[in-house]
Protein backbone atom coordinates (compact mmCIF):
# COMPACT_ATOMS: atom_id res chain seq x y z
CA MET A 1 -35.59 46.32 -50.71
CA VAL A 2 -34.22 44.31 -47.78
CA ARG A 3 -36.67 41.52 -48.67
CA LEU A 4 -35.78 41.37 -52.36
CA PRO A 5 -33.04 39.24 -53.97
CA PRO A 6 -29.80 41.05 -54.97
CA LEU A 7 -30.65 41.12 -58.68
CA ALA A 8 -33.94 42.93 -58.06
CA VAL A 9 -32.24 45.47 -55.79
CA ALA A 10 -29.50 46.11 -58.38
CA ALA A 11 -32.10 46.52 -61.14
CA ALA A 12 -34.07 49.04 -59.08
CA VAL A 13 -30.99 51.06 -58.18
CA GLY A 14 -29.84 50.97 -61.82
CA ALA A 15 -33.23 52.23 -62.99
CA VAL A 16 -33.02 55.17 -60.58
CA LEU A 17 -29.51 56.04 -61.80
CA VAL A 18 -30.64 55.91 -65.43
CA GLY A 19 -33.50 58.23 -64.57
CA VAL A 20 -31.09 60.67 -62.95
CA VAL A 21 -28.83 60.63 -66.01
CA LEU A 22 -31.76 61.21 -68.36
CA SER A 23 -32.97 64.10 -66.21
CA TYR A 24 -29.71 65.96 -66.79
CA GLY A 25 -30.82 66.58 -70.35
CA GLN A 26 -33.71 68.69 -69.04
CA ILE A 27 -31.51 70.96 -66.93
CA ASP A 28 -29.58 72.55 -69.77
CA PRO A 29 -30.67 71.10 -73.12
CA GLU A 30 -27.93 70.71 -75.68
CA PRO A 31 -28.03 73.02 -78.70
CA ALA A 32 -29.46 71.62 -81.89
CA ARG A 33 -26.97 69.53 -83.80
CA THR A 34 -25.68 70.87 -87.07
CA GLY A 35 -24.97 68.88 -90.19
CA SER A 36 -26.26 65.58 -91.49
CA PRO A 37 -25.90 62.34 -89.45
CA LEU A 38 -22.96 61.35 -91.69
CA GLU A 39 -21.23 64.70 -91.15
CA ARG A 40 -21.67 64.43 -87.39
CA LEU A 41 -20.38 60.85 -87.36
CA THR A 42 -17.24 61.58 -89.42
CA ARG A 43 -16.48 64.98 -87.90
CA LYS A 44 -12.81 65.33 -86.95
CA ARG A 45 -11.92 65.50 -83.28
CA LYS A 46 -10.26 68.77 -82.32
CA ASP A 47 -7.17 67.11 -80.86
CA PRO A 48 -6.30 63.81 -82.60
CA ARG A 49 -4.17 62.69 -79.64
CA GLN A 50 -6.86 63.31 -77.05
CA LEU A 51 -8.68 60.22 -75.78
CA SER A 52 -12.37 60.43 -75.00
CA ALA A 53 -13.84 59.23 -71.71
CA TYR A 54 -15.56 56.37 -73.54
CA GLU A 55 -12.28 55.13 -75.00
CA LEU A 56 -10.62 55.15 -71.58
CA PHE A 57 -13.63 53.40 -70.06
CA PHE A 58 -13.51 50.75 -72.77
CA ASP A 59 -9.83 50.10 -72.01
CA LEU A 60 -10.74 48.92 -68.51
CA ALA A 61 -12.13 45.72 -70.01
CA MET A 62 -8.71 44.97 -71.51
CA ILE A 63 -7.07 44.97 -68.09
CA LEU A 64 -9.45 42.24 -66.92
CA ALA A 65 -9.11 40.28 -70.16
CA LEU A 66 -5.31 40.28 -70.20
CA SER A 67 -5.23 39.27 -66.55
CA ARG A 68 -7.56 36.34 -67.22
CA VAL A 69 -5.45 35.14 -70.15
CA SER A 70 -2.33 35.30 -68.00
CA GLN A 71 -3.96 33.32 -65.19
CA ARG A 72 -5.25 30.75 -67.66
CA ALA A 73 -1.79 30.18 -69.11
CA LEU A 74 -0.26 30.01 -65.64
CA ALA A 75 -2.66 27.27 -64.55
CA ASP A 76 -1.34 24.86 -67.19
CA LEU A 77 1.92 25.42 -69.06
CA SER A 78 1.35 22.62 -71.55
CA LEU A 79 1.75 23.44 -75.24
CA VAL A 80 -1.95 22.88 -75.91
CA ASN A 81 -3.06 25.26 -73.18
CA ILE A 82 -0.55 27.90 -74.25
CA ALA A 83 -1.81 27.63 -77.85
CA GLU A 84 -5.40 27.97 -76.65
CA SER A 85 -4.49 30.97 -74.50
CA LEU A 86 -2.77 32.65 -77.47
CA VAL A 87 -5.88 32.22 -79.62
CA LEU A 88 -8.06 33.75 -76.90
CA LEU A 89 -5.57 36.58 -76.45
CA ALA A 90 -5.59 37.28 -80.19
CA ALA A 91 -9.40 37.49 -80.16
CA ILE A 92 -9.39 39.90 -77.21
CA TYR A 93 -6.71 42.02 -78.82
CA TRP A 94 -8.47 42.12 -82.17
CA VAL A 95 -11.65 43.41 -80.53
CA TRP A 96 -9.59 46.22 -79.06
CA VAL A 97 -7.90 47.01 -82.40
CA ALA A 98 -11.17 47.10 -84.36
CA THR A 99 -12.77 49.34 -81.74
CA ALA A 100 -9.74 51.62 -81.65
CA TRP A 101 -10.00 52.08 -85.40
CA SER A 102 -13.71 52.86 -85.08
CA THR A 103 -13.07 55.55 -82.49
CA ASP A 104 -10.25 56.82 -84.70
CA TRP A 105 -12.32 57.36 -87.82
CA PHE A 106 -15.47 58.65 -86.20
CA ASN A 107 -16.52 61.48 -83.92
CA PRO A 108 -16.11 60.37 -80.25
CA ASP A 109 -18.84 62.78 -79.20
CA GLU A 110 -21.45 61.18 -81.46
CA PRO A 111 -24.01 59.40 -79.19
CA ARG A 112 -24.40 56.54 -81.65
CA LEU A 113 -20.71 55.72 -81.39
CA GLN A 114 -20.71 56.11 -77.62
CA ARG A 115 -23.57 53.63 -77.24
CA LEU A 116 -21.77 51.23 -79.56
CA ILE A 117 -18.62 51.40 -77.42
CA ILE A 118 -20.62 50.58 -74.29
CA VAL A 119 -22.23 47.55 -75.96
CA ILE A 120 -18.86 46.31 -77.24
CA MET A 121 -17.30 46.75 -73.81
CA PHE A 122 -20.00 44.64 -72.16
CA ALA A 123 -19.56 41.91 -74.76
CA GLU A 124 -15.80 41.99 -74.21
CA LEU A 125 -16.36 41.60 -70.47
CA LEU A 126 -18.41 38.49 -71.25
CA MET A 127 -15.49 37.20 -73.31
CA ALA A 128 -13.06 37.91 -70.47
CA ALA A 129 -15.27 36.10 -67.97
CA ALA A 130 -15.43 33.05 -70.27
CA ILE A 131 -11.66 32.84 -70.88
CA PRO A 132 -10.90 30.14 -68.25
CA THR A 133 -13.50 27.75 -69.71
CA ALA A 134 -13.66 28.98 -73.31
CA PHE A 135 -12.37 25.60 -74.51
CA GLY A 136 -14.80 23.87 -72.18
CA ASP A 137 -18.38 24.61 -71.24
CA HIS A 138 -18.44 28.30 -72.19
CA GLY A 139 -17.08 28.26 -75.70
CA LEU A 140 -20.38 29.46 -77.14
CA LEU A 141 -20.44 32.46 -74.79
CA PHE A 142 -16.94 33.51 -75.87
CA ALA A 143 -17.53 32.88 -79.57
CA GLY A 144 -20.99 34.46 -79.59
CA ALA A 145 -19.78 37.61 -77.85
CA TYR A 146 -16.79 37.90 -80.19
CA GLY A 147 -18.74 37.35 -83.39
CA GLY A 148 -21.58 39.56 -82.16
CA ILE A 149 -19.21 42.47 -81.51
CA HIS A 150 -17.97 42.60 -85.09
CA ILE A 151 -21.33 41.93 -86.72
CA VAL A 152 -23.16 44.55 -84.65
CA ARG A 153 -20.43 47.11 -85.28
CA GLY A 154 -20.71 46.56 -89.03
CA LEU A 155 -24.49 46.65 -89.04
CA VAL A 156 -24.47 49.95 -87.15
CA LEU A 157 -21.71 51.71 -89.09
CA VAL A 158 -22.18 50.55 -92.69
CA PRO A 159 -25.68 52.04 -93.11
CA ALA A 160 -24.60 55.23 -91.31
CA LEU A 161 -21.67 55.71 -93.72
CA ARG A 162 -23.73 56.02 -96.87
CA GLY A 163 -21.92 58.56 -99.06
CA SER A 164 -18.54 58.22 -97.28
CA PRO A 165 -15.43 56.52 -98.75
CA LEU A 166 -15.08 54.67 -95.44
CA ARG A 167 -18.27 52.77 -96.16
CA ALA A 168 -16.46 50.64 -98.74
CA ARG A 169 -13.90 49.51 -96.19
CA SER A 170 -16.48 48.93 -93.43
CA ALA A 171 -18.64 46.84 -95.77
CA ARG A 172 -15.65 44.84 -96.99
CA VAL A 173 -14.46 44.12 -93.45
CA LEU A 174 -18.01 43.20 -92.38
CA VAL A 175 -17.99 40.42 -94.98
CA TRP A 176 -14.70 39.11 -93.63
CA PHE A 177 -15.92 39.25 -90.05
CA SER A 178 -19.13 37.46 -91.03
CA ILE A 179 -17.04 34.57 -92.35
CA SER A 180 -14.99 34.64 -89.17
CA ALA A 181 -18.14 34.65 -86.99
CA VAL A 182 -19.32 31.45 -88.66
CA LEU A 183 -15.97 29.80 -87.89
CA TRP A 184 -16.15 30.95 -84.28
CA LEU A 185 -19.70 29.71 -83.76
CA VAL A 186 -19.16 26.36 -85.48
CA GLY A 187 -15.97 25.87 -83.49
CA ALA A 188 -17.85 26.41 -80.24
CA PHE A 189 -19.72 23.13 -80.84
CA LEU A 190 -16.59 21.09 -81.57
CA PRO A 191 -14.34 19.29 -79.08
CA ALA A 192 -11.21 21.12 -77.92
CA PRO A 193 -8.78 20.06 -80.72
CA GLY A 194 -11.20 20.94 -83.52
CA ARG A 195 -12.24 24.11 -81.74
CA LEU A 196 -8.63 25.24 -81.48
CA ALA A 197 -8.00 24.64 -85.19
CA LEU A 198 -11.17 26.43 -86.31
CA TRP A 199 -10.72 29.38 -83.97
CA ALA A 200 -7.09 29.77 -85.03
CA ALA A 201 -8.27 29.87 -88.67
CA ALA A 202 -10.84 32.51 -87.69
CA ILE A 203 -8.09 34.66 -86.15
CA VAL A 204 -6.15 34.46 -89.41
CA VAL A 205 -9.25 35.62 -91.29
CA ASP A 206 -9.72 38.51 -88.86
CA GLY A 207 -6.11 39.60 -89.17
CA ALA A 208 -6.20 39.37 -92.96
CA SER A 209 -9.36 41.46 -93.12
CA ALA A 210 -7.55 44.49 -91.69
CA TRP A 211 -4.85 44.27 -94.32
CA LEU A 212 -7.08 43.42 -97.28
CA GLY A 213 -9.58 46.11 -96.30
CA TRP A 214 -7.18 48.57 -97.94
CA PRO A 215 -6.84 50.30 -100.31
CA VAL A 216 -10.12 52.17 -100.25
CA PRO A 217 -11.10 54.36 -103.22
CA LYS A 218 -10.46 58.05 -102.46
CA LEU A 219 -8.54 57.11 -99.27
CA SER A 220 -5.57 55.27 -100.73
CA ALA A 221 -3.26 58.28 -100.44
CA PRO A 222 -2.59 60.62 -97.49
CA SER A 223 -5.40 63.10 -96.94
CA ALA A 224 -6.90 65.18 -94.20
CA HIS A 225 -8.88 62.19 -92.98
CA LEU A 226 -5.83 59.97 -92.83
CA LYS A 227 -4.12 62.49 -90.57
CA VAL A 228 -6.77 61.72 -87.98
CA ILE A 229 -6.13 58.02 -88.46
CA GLY A 230 -2.38 58.42 -88.06
CA ASP A 231 -2.20 60.79 -85.11
CA HIS A 232 -4.94 59.19 -83.06
CA ILE A 233 -4.17 55.54 -83.77
CA ALA A 234 -0.59 56.16 -82.62
CA GLU A 235 -1.94 57.31 -79.27
CA ARG A 236 -4.24 54.29 -79.04
CA TYR A 237 -1.36 51.89 -79.71
CA ARG A 238 0.64 53.54 -76.96
CA GLN A 239 -2.34 53.05 -74.71
CA ILE A 240 -2.60 49.29 -75.33
CA HIS A 241 1.10 48.93 -74.56
CA ILE A 242 0.61 50.74 -71.24
CA ILE A 243 -2.48 48.61 -70.49
CA ALA A 244 -0.49 45.40 -71.04
CA LEU A 245 2.27 46.68 -68.76
CA GLY A 246 -0.39 47.60 -66.21
CA ALA A 247 -1.66 44.04 -66.21
CA LEU A 248 1.91 42.84 -65.64
CA VAL A 249 2.35 45.19 -62.67
CA VAL A 250 -1.00 44.20 -61.14
CA LEU A 251 -0.43 40.45 -61.50
CA SER A 252 3.13 40.54 -60.18
CA GLY A 253 1.98 42.71 -57.28
CA GLN A 254 -0.78 40.26 -56.43
CA ALA A 255 1.67 37.35 -56.59
CA TYR A 256 4.11 39.16 -54.30
CA SER A 257 1.38 40.04 -51.83
CA SER A 258 0.08 36.47 -51.62
CA ALA A 259 3.48 34.71 -51.68
CA GLY A 260 5.06 36.58 -48.80
CA PHE A 261 7.46 39.44 -48.17
CA ASP A 262 10.80 37.75 -47.59
CA TYR A 263 13.98 39.19 -49.11
CA VAL A 264 14.25 36.78 -52.02
CA ARG A 265 10.65 37.31 -53.14
CA THR A 266 11.11 41.05 -52.78
CA LEU A 267 14.06 40.78 -55.15
CA ALA A 268 11.92 38.71 -57.55
CA PHE A 269 9.21 41.38 -57.42
CA ALA A 270 11.84 44.05 -58.14
CA VAL A 271 12.99 42.07 -61.19
CA ALA A 272 9.38 41.85 -62.41
CA PHE A 273 9.01 45.60 -62.00
CA ALA A 274 12.30 46.10 -63.82
CA SER A 275 10.93 44.01 -66.69
CA ALA A 276 7.93 46.34 -67.01
CA THR A 277 10.15 49.41 -66.81
CA VAL A 278 12.59 48.15 -69.45
CA MET A 279 9.72 47.27 -71.82
CA LEU A 280 8.36 50.79 -71.32
CA TRP A 281 11.73 52.39 -72.13
CA ASN A 282 12.33 49.99 -74.99
CA TYR A 283 9.02 50.93 -76.59
CA PHE A 284 9.61 54.70 -76.59
CA LEU A 285 13.19 54.58 -77.87
CA PRO A 286 14.56 55.76 -80.20
CA SER A 287 12.82 59.06 -80.79
CA GLY A 288 12.58 60.91 -84.07
CA GLN A 289 9.80 59.14 -85.92
CA ASP A 290 6.22 58.78 -84.78
CA LEU A 291 3.67 56.22 -85.95
CA GLY A 292 1.20 59.00 -86.71
CA THR A 293 3.75 60.70 -88.95
CA ALA A 294 4.55 57.41 -90.68
CA VAL A 295 0.87 56.83 -91.48
CA ASN A 296 0.17 60.40 -92.54
CA THR A 297 3.11 60.45 -94.92
CA GLY A 298 2.66 56.88 -96.13
CA ALA A 299 -0.42 54.71 -96.22
CA PRO A 300 -2.99 53.29 -93.77
CA ARG A 301 -1.50 49.82 -94.09
CA ILE A 302 1.42 51.06 -92.00
CA ALA A 303 -1.00 51.35 -89.09
CA VAL A 304 -2.29 47.83 -89.81
CA ALA A 305 1.27 46.48 -89.76
CA ALA A 306 1.79 48.31 -86.48
CA ALA A 307 -1.27 46.51 -85.11
CA TYR A 308 0.40 43.18 -85.82
CA CYS A 309 3.61 44.37 -84.12
CA HIS A 310 1.74 45.58 -81.05
CA GLY A 311 -0.13 42.28 -80.88
CA ILE A 312 3.20 40.45 -80.61
CA MET A 313 4.35 42.85 -77.90
CA VAL A 314 1.11 42.40 -75.94
CA ALA A 315 1.51 38.60 -76.16
CA GLY A 316 5.09 38.98 -74.94
CA THR A 317 3.98 41.14 -72.02
CA VAL A 318 1.34 38.58 -71.01
CA ALA A 319 4.04 35.88 -71.11
CA VAL A 320 6.29 38.08 -68.97
CA ALA A 321 3.42 38.37 -66.46
CA VAL A 322 3.18 34.57 -66.33
CA GLY A 323 6.94 34.31 -65.86
CA ALA A 324 6.89 36.98 -63.16
CA GLU A 325 4.32 35.07 -61.14
CA LEU A 326 6.34 31.88 -61.46
CA THR A 327 9.48 33.71 -60.35
CA ILE A 328 7.83 35.40 -57.37
CA ARG A 329 6.21 32.20 -56.15
CA GLN A 330 9.34 30.06 -56.36
CA PRO A 331 12.33 32.35 -56.98
CA LEU A 332 14.95 29.80 -55.98
CA GLY A 333 12.93 26.68 -56.71
CA ARG A 334 14.22 23.70 -58.59
CA ALA A 335 15.11 24.38 -62.22
CA ASN A 336 12.23 23.80 -64.61
CA ALA A 337 12.86 23.93 -68.37
CA VAL A 338 9.27 24.95 -69.19
CA TRP A 339 9.34 27.78 -66.65
CA SER A 340 12.65 29.01 -67.99
CA LEU A 341 11.36 29.03 -71.56
CA VAL A 342 8.28 31.00 -70.52
CA ILE A 343 10.37 33.58 -68.64
CA MET A 344 12.79 34.04 -71.53
CA GLY A 345 10.09 33.75 -74.19
CA GLY A 346 8.08 36.70 -72.89
CA ILE A 347 10.95 39.17 -73.21
CA ALA A 348 11.96 37.61 -76.53
CA LEU A 349 8.45 38.05 -77.95
CA HIS A 350 8.40 41.68 -76.88
CA ILE A 351 11.76 42.25 -78.55
CA VAL A 352 10.48 40.62 -81.76
CA GLY A 353 7.42 42.90 -81.83
CA ARG A 354 9.45 45.99 -81.01
CA THR A 355 12.05 45.18 -83.67
CA LEU A 356 9.35 44.73 -86.30
CA LEU A 357 7.77 48.01 -85.21
CA GLY A 358 11.13 49.68 -85.78
CA VAL A 359 11.09 48.35 -89.33
CA VAL A 360 7.58 49.76 -89.82
CA LEU A 361 8.44 53.16 -88.37
CA TYR A 362 11.96 53.73 -89.61
CA GLY A 363 12.26 51.46 -92.63
CA VAL A 364 15.31 49.85 -91.06
CA HIS A 365 16.37 46.93 -93.25
CA ARG A 366 18.96 45.58 -90.81
CA PRO A 367 17.55 45.97 -87.29
CA TRP A 368 20.62 44.26 -85.83
CA ARG A 369 20.12 45.37 -82.24
CA GLY A 370 16.94 43.42 -81.69
CA ASN A 371 18.24 40.41 -83.59
CA LEU A 372 21.46 40.45 -81.57
CA ALA A 373 19.51 40.53 -78.30
CA LEU A 374 17.45 37.53 -79.46
CA LEU A 375 20.65 35.66 -80.35
CA VAL A 376 22.09 36.40 -76.92
CA ILE A 377 18.96 35.08 -75.21
CA ALA A 378 19.02 31.98 -77.41
CA GLY A 379 22.69 31.45 -76.59
CA MET A 380 22.01 31.70 -72.86
CA ALA A 381 18.98 29.41 -73.03
CA PRO A 382 20.77 26.03 -72.67
CA GLY A 383 22.47 27.17 -69.46
CA LEU A 384 19.41 28.94 -68.07
CA LEU A 385 17.26 25.84 -68.48
CA ARG A 386 19.11 24.47 -65.46
CA ALA A 387 18.91 27.67 -63.40
CA PRO A 388 16.27 28.68 -60.83
CA PRO A 389 13.57 31.10 -62.04
CA LEU A 390 15.06 34.18 -60.39
CA VAL A 391 18.40 33.72 -62.18
CA VAL A 392 16.61 33.22 -65.52
CA ALA A 393 14.50 36.34 -65.06
CA LEU A 394 17.46 38.46 -63.95
CA ALA A 395 19.65 37.39 -66.88
CA THR A 396 16.88 38.04 -69.39
CA VAL A 397 16.10 41.48 -67.99
CA VAL A 398 19.78 42.44 -68.18
CA VAL A 399 19.82 41.59 -71.91
CA ALA A 400 16.65 43.62 -72.50
CA PHE A 401 18.13 46.53 -70.53
CA LEU A 402 21.32 46.51 -72.60
CA LEU A 403 19.20 46.47 -75.77
CA THR A 404 17.31 49.51 -74.51
CA LEU A 405 20.55 51.34 -73.79
CA SER A 406 21.70 50.66 -77.35
CA TYR A 407 18.51 52.26 -78.72
CA ARG A 408 19.54 55.55 -77.11
CA HIS A 409 22.34 55.82 -79.66
CA VAL A 410 20.17 55.07 -82.70
CA ARG A 411 20.00 57.85 -85.27
CA VAL A 412 16.90 57.94 -87.39
CA PRO A 413 17.74 58.41 -91.10
CA ALA A 414 17.07 61.96 -92.23
CA GLN A 415 14.66 60.90 -94.97
CA THR A 416 12.31 59.28 -92.44
CA ARG A 417 12.17 62.15 -90.01
CA PRO A 418 8.96 64.15 -89.80
């Protein structure tokens, strides 16, 4: 082995590990499976809120992907680069959403689904690795991995769902994703401006497919199967919010470690941590209505609308991570209007997503608290454009904190309570 190149050594070690794993099946063979392949695939999980090991393993790829998007945006704060980064972020997020729905509908202990999750995770890691140069030399790698994920998922699940009402939705969404895949692949061969336009159109197609995939015959009203969708998808959405906050904590910690440990940067790091904490509190307040309950007593499209809201919050959290790094690196640096807008814009985006989620969950027609916070940030913006980054970040966090305090006094209308 010491005379072989690293790839050959890794392949040999990997082969041995695979052999060990396969040998476990001979120690205590599993009992014969009961039911047809369709019954095993669509079997309900015992605890809808429990996450399988494969789902948690898949989430690790999101931490890398969100970090790469944040670093890409930080490298160039021009409008074009920010637009490109948002498109890449939307693609990464939509892979996560589609996979979360797949693990929601189907049995997490089914080997076919487990293998599919592993394949999707590897393809998402390829996408994450290509993020810095996706609008350069590695556009085809990003687009091919993204399109391949959705096509392979459809080709695996649609035939397996013969006889299930979910087959109609999976087949319908596969058609949409096939159209999107063409746009992604064609865009990969275009120069950057055309690529951005075509990939943005593809994201719109992907987002529309989730909404237009409903209603499905026999699944248009609440049923036992929808209860699995509601309870579990609520837990998955909480998970993506925590993952985004985790990326913020990791990136701000790295920036603090590399920038130095003086008092001012320590204060900037504390403000970044406060931002993550406030966004955590803001997300889980007020209590009284759960997304799973809203879906189970309403319709699946509520969960699709929640996906859009969470996407906005994830984008806001990534922007907060960019702003945190800027603040930690130059907390008292010369005022920069672009930096200030990024710092304020991250929190503002999160508030927009959270306010819209409140509308989805509670049916609030006048969500004045979130709108008032956005107006306050907008009113402060002209003055903060001339302030150093630390002052901008501190003022914005204070507004978000006051908004969170106001949520503690919200009373959910009785008719929307579970």
